[in-house]
C-alpha atoms as a PDB file:
ATOM      1  CA  MET A   1     101.834 116.742  84.264  1.00  0.00           C
ATOM      2  CA  ARG A   2     101.807 112.881  83.613  1.00  0.00           C
ATOM      3  CA  ILE A   3     103.305 112.508  86.963  1.00  0.00           C
ATOM      4  CA  ALA A   4     101.007 114.747  88.902  1.00  0.00           C
ATOM      5  CA  ALA A   5      98.037 112.495  86.825  1.00  0.00           C
ATOM      6  CA  THR A   6      99.884 109.367  87.689  1.00  0.00           C
ATOM      7  CA  THR A   7     100.297 110.419  91.359  1.00  0.00           C
ATOM      8  CA  LEU A   8      96.574 111.396  91.917  1.00  0.00           C
ATOM      9  CA  ALA A   9      95.285 107.833  90.474  1.00  0.00           C
ATOM     10  CA  LEU A  10      97.875 105.877  93.398  1.00  0.00           C
ATOM     11  CA  PHE A  11      96.653 108.533  95.842  1.00  0.00           C
ATOM     12  CA  ALA A  12      93.664 106.449  95.931  1.00  0.00           C
ATOM     13  CA  LEU A  13      95.890 103.016  97.143  1.00  0.00           C
ATOM     14  CA  ALA A  14      96.573 105.018 100.818  1.00  0.00           C
ATOM     15  CA  SER A  15      92.616 104.129 101.866  1.00  0.00           C
ATOM     16  CA  ALA A  16      92.339 100.738 100.668  1.00  0.00           C
ATOM     17  CA  PRO A  17      91.913  97.741 102.817  1.00  0.00           C
ATOM     18  CA  VAL A  18      95.176  95.470 102.647  1.00  0.00           C
ATOM     19  CA  PHE A  19      96.995  92.175 102.555  1.00  0.00           C
ATOM     20  CA  ALA A  20      98.201  90.148  99.328  1.00  0.00           C
ATOM     21  CA  ASP A  21      99.956  91.110  96.288  1.00  0.00           C
ATOM     22  CA  LEU A  22      98.053  91.520  93.386  1.00  0.00           C
ATOM     23  CA  THR A  23      98.295  91.476  89.692  1.00  0.00           C
ATOM     24  CA  ILE A  24      95.700  93.522  88.179  1.00  0.00           C
ATOM     25  CA  THR A  25      94.330  93.015  84.474  1.00  0.00           C
ATOM     26  CA  SER A  26      92.435  95.518  82.673  1.00  0.00           C
ATOM     27  CA  LYS A  27      91.486  96.416  79.055  1.00  0.00           C
ATOM     28  CA  ALA A  28      92.078 100.264  78.380  1.00  0.00           C
ATOM     29  CA  THR A  29      91.617 102.823  75.546  1.00  0.00           C
ATOM     30  CA  HIS A  30      93.456 105.972  74.510  1.00  0.00           C
ATOM     31  CA  ASP A  31      92.155 108.358  72.524  1.00  0.00           C
ATOM     32  CA  GLY A  32      89.669 106.504  70.764  1.00  0.00           C
ATOM     33  CA  GLY A  33      92.200 104.012  69.337  1.00  0.00           C
ATOM     34  CA  ALA A  34      91.321 100.038  69.785  1.00  0.00           C
ATOM     35  CA  PRO A  35      91.367  98.405  73.086  1.00  0.00           C
ATOM     36  CA  GLN A  36      94.231  97.456  74.891  1.00  0.00           C
ATOM     37  CA  THR A  37      95.224  94.801  77.443  1.00  0.00           C
ATOM     38  CA  THR A  38      97.288  96.228  80.850  1.00  0.00           C
ATOM     39  CA  VAL A  39      99.071  94.997  83.411  1.00  0.00           C
ATOM     40  CA  SER A  40      99.606  96.016  86.465  1.00  0.00           C
ATOM     41  CA  TYR A  41     101.180  94.967  89.885  1.00  0.00           C
ATOM     42  CA  ILE A  42     101.024  95.909  93.308  1.00  0.00           C
ATOM     43  CA  ALA A  43     103.079  94.522  95.997  1.00  0.00           C
ATOM     44  CA  GLY A  44     104.384  95.675  99.696  1.00  0.00           C
ATOM     45  CA  ASP A  45     107.637  97.144  98.608  1.00  0.00           C
ATOM     46  CA  HIS A  46     107.074  98.306  94.924  1.00  0.00           C
ATOM     47  CA  VAL A  47     103.911  99.223  92.687  1.00  0.00           C
ATOM     48  CA  ARG A  48     104.003  99.137  88.548  1.00  0.00           C
ATOM     49  CA  MET A  49     100.993 100.920  87.298  1.00  0.00           C
ATOM     50  CA  SER A  50     100.565 100.277  83.311  1.00  0.00           C
ATOM     51  CA  GLN A  51      98.622 103.287  81.366  1.00  0.00           C
ATOM     52  CA  PRO A  52      96.669 103.767  78.283  1.00  0.00           C
ATOM     53  CA  ASP A  53      98.983 105.799  76.120  1.00  0.00           C
ATOM     54  CA  GLY A  54     101.447 102.337  76.795  1.00  0.00           C
ATOM     55  CA  LYS A  55     103.856 104.096  79.332  1.00  0.00           C
ATOM     56  CA  GLU A  56     104.553 102.214  82.582  1.00  0.00           C
ATOM     57  CA  VAL A  57     105.545 103.918  86.111  1.00  0.00           C
ATOM     58  CA  MET A  58     106.930 102.141  89.030  1.00  0.00           C
ATOM     59  CA  VAL A  59     107.818 102.853  92.284  1.00  0.00           C
ATOM     60  CA  ASP A  60     110.091 101.801  94.590  1.00  0.00           C
ATOM     61  CA  PHE A  61     109.333 102.446  98.057  1.00  0.00           C
ATOM     62  CA  ALA A  62     112.497 101.464  99.317  1.00  0.00           C
ATOM     63  CA  SER A  63     115.238 103.632  97.517  1.00  0.00           C
ATOM     64  CA  GLY A  64     112.222 106.184  96.808  1.00  0.00           C
ATOM     65  CA  ASN A  65     112.919 106.116  92.841  1.00  0.00           C
ATOM     66  CA  PHE A  66     110.221 106.922  90.513  1.00  0.00           C
ATOM     67  CA  THR A  67     110.800 105.466  86.869  1.00  0.00           C
ATOM     68  CA  MET A  68     108.867 105.835  84.259  1.00  0.00           C
ATOM     69  CA  MET A  69     108.824 103.649  81.153  1.00  0.00           C
ATOM     70  CA  ASP A  70     107.889 104.204  77.577  1.00  0.00           C
ATOM     71  CA  SER A  71     107.388 100.874  75.459  1.00  0.00           C
ATOM     72  CA  ALA A  72     107.088 102.934  72.052  1.00  0.00           C
ATOM     73  CA  LYS A  73     110.401 104.566  72.161  1.00  0.00           C
ATOM     74  CA  LYS A  74     112.176 101.644  74.308  1.00  0.00           C
ATOM     75  CA  GLN A  75     112.909 104.273  77.261  1.00  0.00           C
ATOM     76  CA  TYR A  76     112.885 105.154  80.331  1.00  0.00           C
ATOM     77  CA  TRP A  77     113.773 107.626  83.107  1.00  0.00           C
ATOM     78  CA  VAL A  78     114.174 107.616  86.955  1.00  0.00           C
ATOM     79  CA  MET A  79     113.653 110.440  89.425  1.00  0.00           C
ATOM     80  CA  THR A  80     115.718 109.723  92.378  1.00  0.00           C
ATOM     81  CA  ARG A  81     115.243 111.349  96.173  1.00  0.00           C
ATOM     82  CA  ALA A  82     118.081 113.609  95.265  1.00  0.00           C
ATOM     83  CA  ASP A  83     115.913 114.655  92.419  1.00  0.00           C
ATOM     84  CA  TRP A  84     113.092 115.408  94.566  1.00  0.00           C
ATOM     85  CA  ASP A  85     114.785 117.609  96.619  1.00  0.00           C
ATOM     86  CA  ALA A  86     116.397 119.439  93.690  1.00  0.00           C
ATOM     87  CA  MET A  87     113.613 119.878  91.742  1.00  0.00           C
ATOM     88  CA  SER A  88     111.604 121.532  95.617  1.00  0.00           C
ATOM     89  CA  ALA A  89     114.596 123.520  95.636  1.00  0.00           C
ATOM     90  CA  LYS A  90     114.263 124.760  92.162  1.00  0.00           C
ATOM     91  CA  MET A  91     110.754 125.426  92.576  1.00  0.00           C
ATOM     92  CA  ASN A  92     110.811 127.317  95.886  1.00  0.00           C
ATOM     93  CA  ALA A  93     114.006 129.823  94.424  1.00  0.00           C
ATOM     94  CA  ALA A  94     111.969 130.645  91.509  1.00  0.00           C
ATOM     95  CA  MET A  95     108.755 131.437  93.300  1.00  0.00           C
ATOM     96  CA  ASN A  96     111.333 133.922  95.870  1.00  0.00           C
ATOM     97  CA  SER A  97     113.461 135.171  93.095  1.00  0.00           C
ATOM     98  CA  PRO A  98     114.005 139.148  93.283  1.00  0.00           C
ATOM     99  CA  GLU A  99     112.411 139.202  89.741  1.00  0.00           C
ATOM    100  CA  MET A 100     108.915 137.471  91.424  1.00  0.00           C
ATOM    101  CA  LYS A 101     109.048 139.930  94.494  1.00  0.00           C
ATOM    102  CA  ASN A 102     109.552 142.710  91.937  1.00  0.00           C
ATOM    103  CA  LEU A 103     106.685 142.234  90.012  1.00  0.00           C
ATOM    104  CA  PRO A 104     103.950 144.658  90.440  1.00  0.00           C
ATOM    105  CA  PRO A 105     101.358 143.746  92.539  1.00  0.00           C
ATOM    106  CA  GLU A 106      98.444 143.600  90.056  1.00  0.00           C
ATOM    107  CA  VAL A 107     100.296 141.053  88.242  1.00  0.00           C
ATOM    108  CA  GLN A 108     101.272 138.537  91.087  1.00  0.00           C
ATOM    109  CA  ALA A 109      97.452 138.769  92.252  1.00  0.00           C
ATOM    110  CA  LYS A 110      96.645 137.320  88.830  1.00  0.00           C
ATOM    111  CA  MET A 111      99.423 134.772  88.488  1.00  0.00           C
ATOM    112  CA  GLU A 112      98.558 133.698  92.017  1.00  0.00           C
ATOM    113  CA  ALA A 113      95.363 133.206  91.072  1.00  0.00           C
ATOM    114  CA  MET A 114      95.721 131.145  88.220  1.00  0.00           C
ATOM    115  CA  MET A 115      98.549 129.087  89.956  1.00  0.00           C
ATOM    116  CA  GLY A 116      96.433 127.972  92.555  1.00  0.00           C
ATOM    117  CA  GLY A 117      93.734 127.162  90.707  1.00  0.00           C
ATOM    118  CA  MET A 118      95.632 124.950  88.399  1.00  0.00           C
ATOM    119  CA  MET A 119      95.634 122.102  90.890  1.00  0.00           C
ATOM    120  CA  LYS A 120      92.352 123.433  92.607  1.00  0.00           C
ATOM    121  CA  VAL A 121      90.291 119.414  93.355  1.00  0.00           C
ATOM    122  CA  ASN A 122      86.771 118.705  93.394  1.00  0.00           C
ATOM    123  CA  VAL A 123      85.861 115.703  94.258  1.00  0.00           C
ATOM    124  CA  GLU A 124      81.779 114.945  94.244  1.00  0.00           C
ATOM    125  CA  LYS A 125      80.326 110.939  94.739  1.00  0.00           C
ATOM    126  CA  THR A 126      77.916 110.314  91.565  1.00  0.00           C
ATOM    127  CA  GLY A 127      75.313 108.314  93.467  1.00  0.00           C
ATOM    128  CA  ASN A 128      76.192 105.169  90.908  1.00  0.00           C
ATOM    129  CA  VAL A 129      77.071 102.312  92.594  1.00  0.00           C
ATOM    130  CA  ARG A 130      78.553  99.435  89.647  1.00  0.00           C
ATOM    131  CA  THR A 131      80.008  95.929  89.408  1.00  0.00           C
ATOM    132  CA  ILE A 132      83.367  95.548  87.831  1.00  0.00           C
ATOM    133  CA  ALA A 133      85.532  92.425  87.600  1.00  0.00           C
ATOM    134  CA  GLY A 134      82.825  90.999  90.303  1.00  0.00           C
ATOM    135  CA  TYR A 135      83.916  94.036  92.843  1.00  0.00           C
ATOM    136  CA  LYS A 136      81.328  96.230  93.866  1.00  0.00           C
ATOM    137  CA  CYS A 137      82.388 100.036  93.628  1.00  0.00           C
ATOM    138  CA  GLN A 138      81.229 103.789  93.869  1.00  0.00           C
ATOM    139  CA  GLU A 139      81.661 106.250  91.507  1.00  0.00           C
ATOM    140  CA  PHE A 140      82.994 109.427  91.544  1.00  0.00           C
ATOM    141  CA  ASN A 141      83.294 112.796  89.240  1.00  0.00           C
ATOM    142  CA  VAL A 142      86.967 114.279  89.835  1.00  0.00           C
ATOM    143  CA  THR A 143      88.323 117.440  88.608  1.00  0.00           C
ATOM    144  CA  VAL A 144      91.662 119.020  89.155  1.00  0.00           C
ATOM    145  CA  GLY A 145      91.370 122.841  87.904  1.00  0.00           C
ATOM    146  CA  GLU A 146      90.965 122.826  84.153  1.00  0.00           C
ATOM    147  CA  PHE A 147      93.898 120.522  83.423  1.00  0.00           C
ATOM    148  CA  SER A 148      91.913 116.845  84.289  1.00  0.00           C
ATOM    149  CA  LYS A 149      88.298 115.647  84.225  1.00  0.00           C
ATOM    150  CA  SER A 150      87.594 111.790  85.353  1.00  0.00           C
ATOM    151  CA  THR A 151      84.861 109.435  86.602  1.00  0.00           C
ATOM    152  CA  GLU A 152      86.052 106.912  88.689  1.00  0.00           C
ATOM    153  CA  CYS A 153      84.419 103.940  90.160  1.00  0.00           C
ATOM    154  CA  LEU A 154      86.435 102.785  93.131  1.00  0.00           C
ATOM    155  CA  THR A 155      86.319  99.577  95.351  1.00  0.00           C
ATOM    156  CA  GLU A 156      86.962  99.060  98.685  1.00  0.00           C
ATOM    157  CA  ASP A 157      86.861  95.006  98.466  1.00  0.00           C
ATOM    158  CA  LEU A 158      90.307  94.673  96.625  1.00  0.00           C
ATOM    159  CA  LYS A 159      92.472  93.905  99.482  1.00  0.00           C
ATOM    160  CA  MET A 160      96.139  95.623  99.088  1.00  0.00           C
ATOM    161  CA  PRO A 161      99.742  94.286 100.658  1.00  0.00           C
ATOM    162  CA  ALA A 162      99.391  96.155 103.897  1.00  0.00           C
ATOM    163  CA  GLU A 163     103.135  97.626 103.531  1.00  0.00           C
ATOM    164  CA  SER A 164     102.344  99.708 100.810  1.00  0.00           C
ATOM    165  CA  TRP A 165      99.945 102.437 102.467  1.00  0.00           C
ATOM    166  CA  ALA A 166     103.220 103.480 104.878  1.00  0.00           C
ATOM    167  CA  LYS A 167     105.992 103.283 102.418  1.00  0.00           C
ATOM    168  CA  TYR A 168     103.388 105.046  99.407  1.00  0.00           C
ATOM    169  CA  LYS A 169     102.693 107.702 102.051  1.00  0.00           C
ATOM    170  CA  GLU A 170     106.414 108.619 101.994  1.00  0.00           C
ATOM    171  CA  PHE A 171     106.655 108.897  98.239  1.00  0.00           C
ATOM    172  CA  SER A 172     103.122 110.880  98.307  1.00  0.00           C
ATOM    173  CA  ASP A 173     103.893 113.610 101.126  1.00  0.00           C
ATOM    174  CA  ARG A 174     107.176 114.248  98.962  1.00  0.00           C
ATOM    175  CA  LEU A 175     105.036 114.793  96.075  1.00  0.00           C
ATOM    176  CA  LYS A 176     102.907 117.145  98.255  1.00  0.00           C
ATOM    177  CA  THR A 177     106.348 118.779  99.784  1.00  0.00           C
ATOM    178  CA  MET A 178     107.538 119.709  96.038  1.00  0.00           C
ATOM    179  CA  MET A 179     104.040 121.031  95.381  1.00  0.00           C
ATOM    180  CA  ALA A 180     104.216 123.272  98.107  1.00  0.00           C
ATOM    181  CA  ALA A 181     106.943 125.038  97.206  1.00  0.00           C
ATOM    182  CA  LEU A 182     105.077 126.642  94.342  1.00  0.00           C
ATOM    183  CA  GLY A 183     104.176 129.309  96.520  1.00  0.00           C
ATOM    184  CA  PRO A 184     100.212 129.901  95.624  1.00  0.00           C
ATOM    185  CA  MET A 185      99.479 126.339  94.828  1.00  0.00           C
ATOM    186  CA  ALA A 186     100.554 125.720  98.426  1.00  0.00           C
ATOM    187  CA  LYS A 187      97.297 127.635  99.456  1.00  0.00           C
ATOM    188  CA  ASN A 188      95.515 124.937  97.899  1.00  0.00           C
ATOM    189  CA  LEU A 189      97.233 122.170  99.381  1.00  0.00           C
ATOM    190  CA  GLY A 190      95.137 121.493 102.636  1.00  0.00           C
ATOM    191  CA  ALA A 191      92.025 121.625 100.526  1.00  0.00           C
ATOM    192  CA  MET A 192      93.293 119.112  98.056  1.00  0.00           C
ATOM    193  CA  GLN A 193      93.996 116.758 101.054  1.00  0.00           C
ATOM    194  CA  GLU A 194      90.764 117.200 102.185  1.00  0.00           C
ATOM    195  CA  GLN A 195      88.909 116.150  98.871  1.00  0.00           C
ATOM    196  CA  PHE A 196      91.359 113.254  98.233  1.00  0.00           C
ATOM    197  CA  LYS A 197      90.069 112.016 101.479  1.00  0.00           C
ATOM    198  CA  LYS A 198      86.314 111.311  99.736  1.00  0.00           C
ATOM    199  CA  LEU A 199      88.048 108.894  97.490  1.00  0.00           C
ATOM    200  CA  LYS A 200      88.120 105.660  99.129  1.00  0.00           C
ATOM    201  CA  GLY A 201      89.580 102.762  97.650  1.00  0.00           C
ATOM    202  CA  PHE A 202      91.043 101.454  94.380  1.00  0.00           C
ATOM    203  CA  PRO A 203      89.628 102.643  90.921  1.00  0.00           C
ATOM    204  CA  ILE A 204      89.121  99.802  88.832  1.00  0.00           C
ATOM    205  CA  ALA A 205      87.102 101.668  85.976  1.00  0.00           C
ATOM    206  CA  THR A 206      87.988 105.155  84.914  1.00  0.00           C
ATOM    207  CA  ASN A 207      87.537 108.173  82.421  1.00  0.00           C
ATOM    208  CA  THR A 208      89.510 110.444  81.816  1.00  0.00           C
ATOM    209  CA  THR A 209      90.167 113.824  79.900  1.00  0.00           C
ATOM    210  CA  VAL A 210      93.311 115.780  80.592  1.00  0.00           C
ATOM    211  CA  ASN A 211      93.988 118.811  78.522  1.00  0.00           C
ATOM    212  CA  ILE A 212      97.688 120.572  78.566  1.00  0.00           C
ATOM    213  CA  MET A 213      97.742 123.728  76.675  1.00  0.00           C
ATOM    214  CA  GLY A 214      95.178 123.183  74.294  1.00  0.00           C
ATOM    215  CA  HIS A 215      95.878 119.639  73.932  1.00  0.00           C
ATOM    216  CA  THR A 216      93.278 117.081  74.571  1.00  0.00           C
ATOM    217  CA  THR A 217      94.064 113.573  75.254  1.00  0.00           C
ATOM    218  CA  THR A 218      91.001 110.874  76.699  1.00  0.00           C
ATOM    219  CA  SER A 219      91.918 107.358  78.400  1.00  0.00           C
ATOM    220  CA  THR A 220      89.807 104.846  79.720  1.00  0.00           C
ATOM    221  CA  THR A 221      90.762 101.730  81.913  1.00  0.00           C
ATOM    222  CA  GLU A 222      88.636  98.865  83.192  1.00  0.00           C
ATOM    223  CA  VAL A 223      89.662  96.267  85.315  1.00  0.00           C
ATOM    224  CA  THR A 224      88.941  92.561  83.958  1.00  0.00           C
ATOM    225  CA  SER A 225      90.598  90.458  86.307  1.00  0.00           C
ATOM    226  CA  VAL A 226      92.647  90.505  89.786  1.00  0.00           C
ATOM    227  CA  LYS A 227      94.908  87.602  91.154  1.00  0.00           C
ATOM    228  CA  ASP A 228      96.620  87.710  93.921  1.00  0.00           C
ATOM    229  CA  GLY A 229      99.884  85.595  95.219  1.00  0.00           C
ATOM    230  CA  ALA A 230     103.897  86.604  95.205  1.00  0.00           C
ATOM    231  CA  ILE A 231     104.903  88.566  92.597  1.00  0.00           C
ATOM    232  CA  GLY A 232     108.300  87.605  90.448  1.00  0.00           C
ATOM    233  CA  PRO A 233     111.307  90.557  90.863  1.00  0.00           C
ATOM    234  CA  SER A 234     111.567  90.114  87.224  1.00  0.00           C
ATOM    235  CA  VAL A 235     108.076  92.626  87.218  1.00  0.00           C
ATOM    236  CA  TRP A 236     109.930  94.946  89.393  1.00  0.00           C
ATOM    237  CA  GLN A 237     112.655  95.222  86.648  1.00  0.00           C
ATOM    238  CA  VAL A 238     112.981  98.001  83.848  1.00  0.00           C
ATOM    239  CA  PRO A 239     112.600  95.271  80.497  1.00  0.00           C
ATOM    240  CA  ALA A 240     115.490  94.482  78.281  1.00  0.00           C
ATOM    241  CA  GLY A 241     116.335  96.726  75.616  1.00  0.00           C
ATOM    242  CA  TYR A 242     115.397  99.679  77.155  1.00  0.00           C
ATOM    243  CA  THR A 243     117.657 102.998  76.618  1.00  0.00           C
ATOM    244  CA  LYS A 244     117.943 105.540  79.792  1.00  0.00           C
ATOM    245  CA  VAL A 245     117.314 109.158  79.069  1.00  0.00           C
ATOM    246  CA  GLU A 246     117.514 111.906  81.701  1.00  0.00           C
ATOM    247  CA  SER A 247     114.135 113.238  83.344  1.00  0.00           C
ATOM    248  CA  PRO A 248     112.403 115.789  82.512  1.00  0.00           C
ATOM    249  CA  MET A 249     112.655 117.164  86.214  1.00  0.00           C
ATOM    250  CA  GLN A 250     116.385 116.783  85.982  1.00  0.00           C
ATOM    251  CA  LYS A 251     116.296 118.911  82.693  1.00  0.00           C
ATOM    252  CA  MET A 252     114.398 121.361  84.270  1.00  0.00           C
ATOM    253  CA  ALA A 253     116.359 121.264  87.443  1.00  0.00           C
ATOM    254  CA  LYS A 254     119.233 122.217  85.183  1.00  0.00           C
ATOM    255  CA  SER A 255     117.216 125.369  83.564  1.00  0.00           C
ATOM    256  CA  ARG A 256     117.186 128.331  84.238  1.00  0.00           C
END
């Protein structure tokens, strides 16, 4: 779920105008806690995004690696291209297993309705226009089934690295392929893509509520400053002292 939410946020990069490497400083809150300062980085070959809960996600477009870092636990895990492929195959096999195919038709219909609705996306422009950190932004309401509801203010005035779109698209397409393997969810894939096309620009302010199995979390972010210029290579390294652990996707791929 966390990967899905992060990817939805990153998807906004796809339609933004593009130019220089960016260092973006924001204030963020998580579950009503005190505001924290977060820093995110966007370059032609990498993206590193800070989250309000203290975690960070980094995508290396050249290798295709997706790295999630947890500052509280001093841990990180990596999902490679091979992991994406294995997870997609695992999902496809599960959805087409004899056990699934032999379920009573009425049970299959209920499962399809439930799973198909899990990732149903709706994007609506609120009509509100704001100015944040000197950038004009349009406000949108974004819902993802019963999983996530957010209000995002997107700006098209923030210039992104030109290479990011082509490389990020490859990453995004891999995620879509994995989601399409979920059978019933694939029926909503085209509709999801059409909804996301409404989101043009980079989210410089967000207010999000996520509900996972009855556990609700809330978070906010608001950009306070943007600096352009080359980003040093150390930014794309996992911090010293972090321990690598097995990714949740690798564990899932190993399970029955």
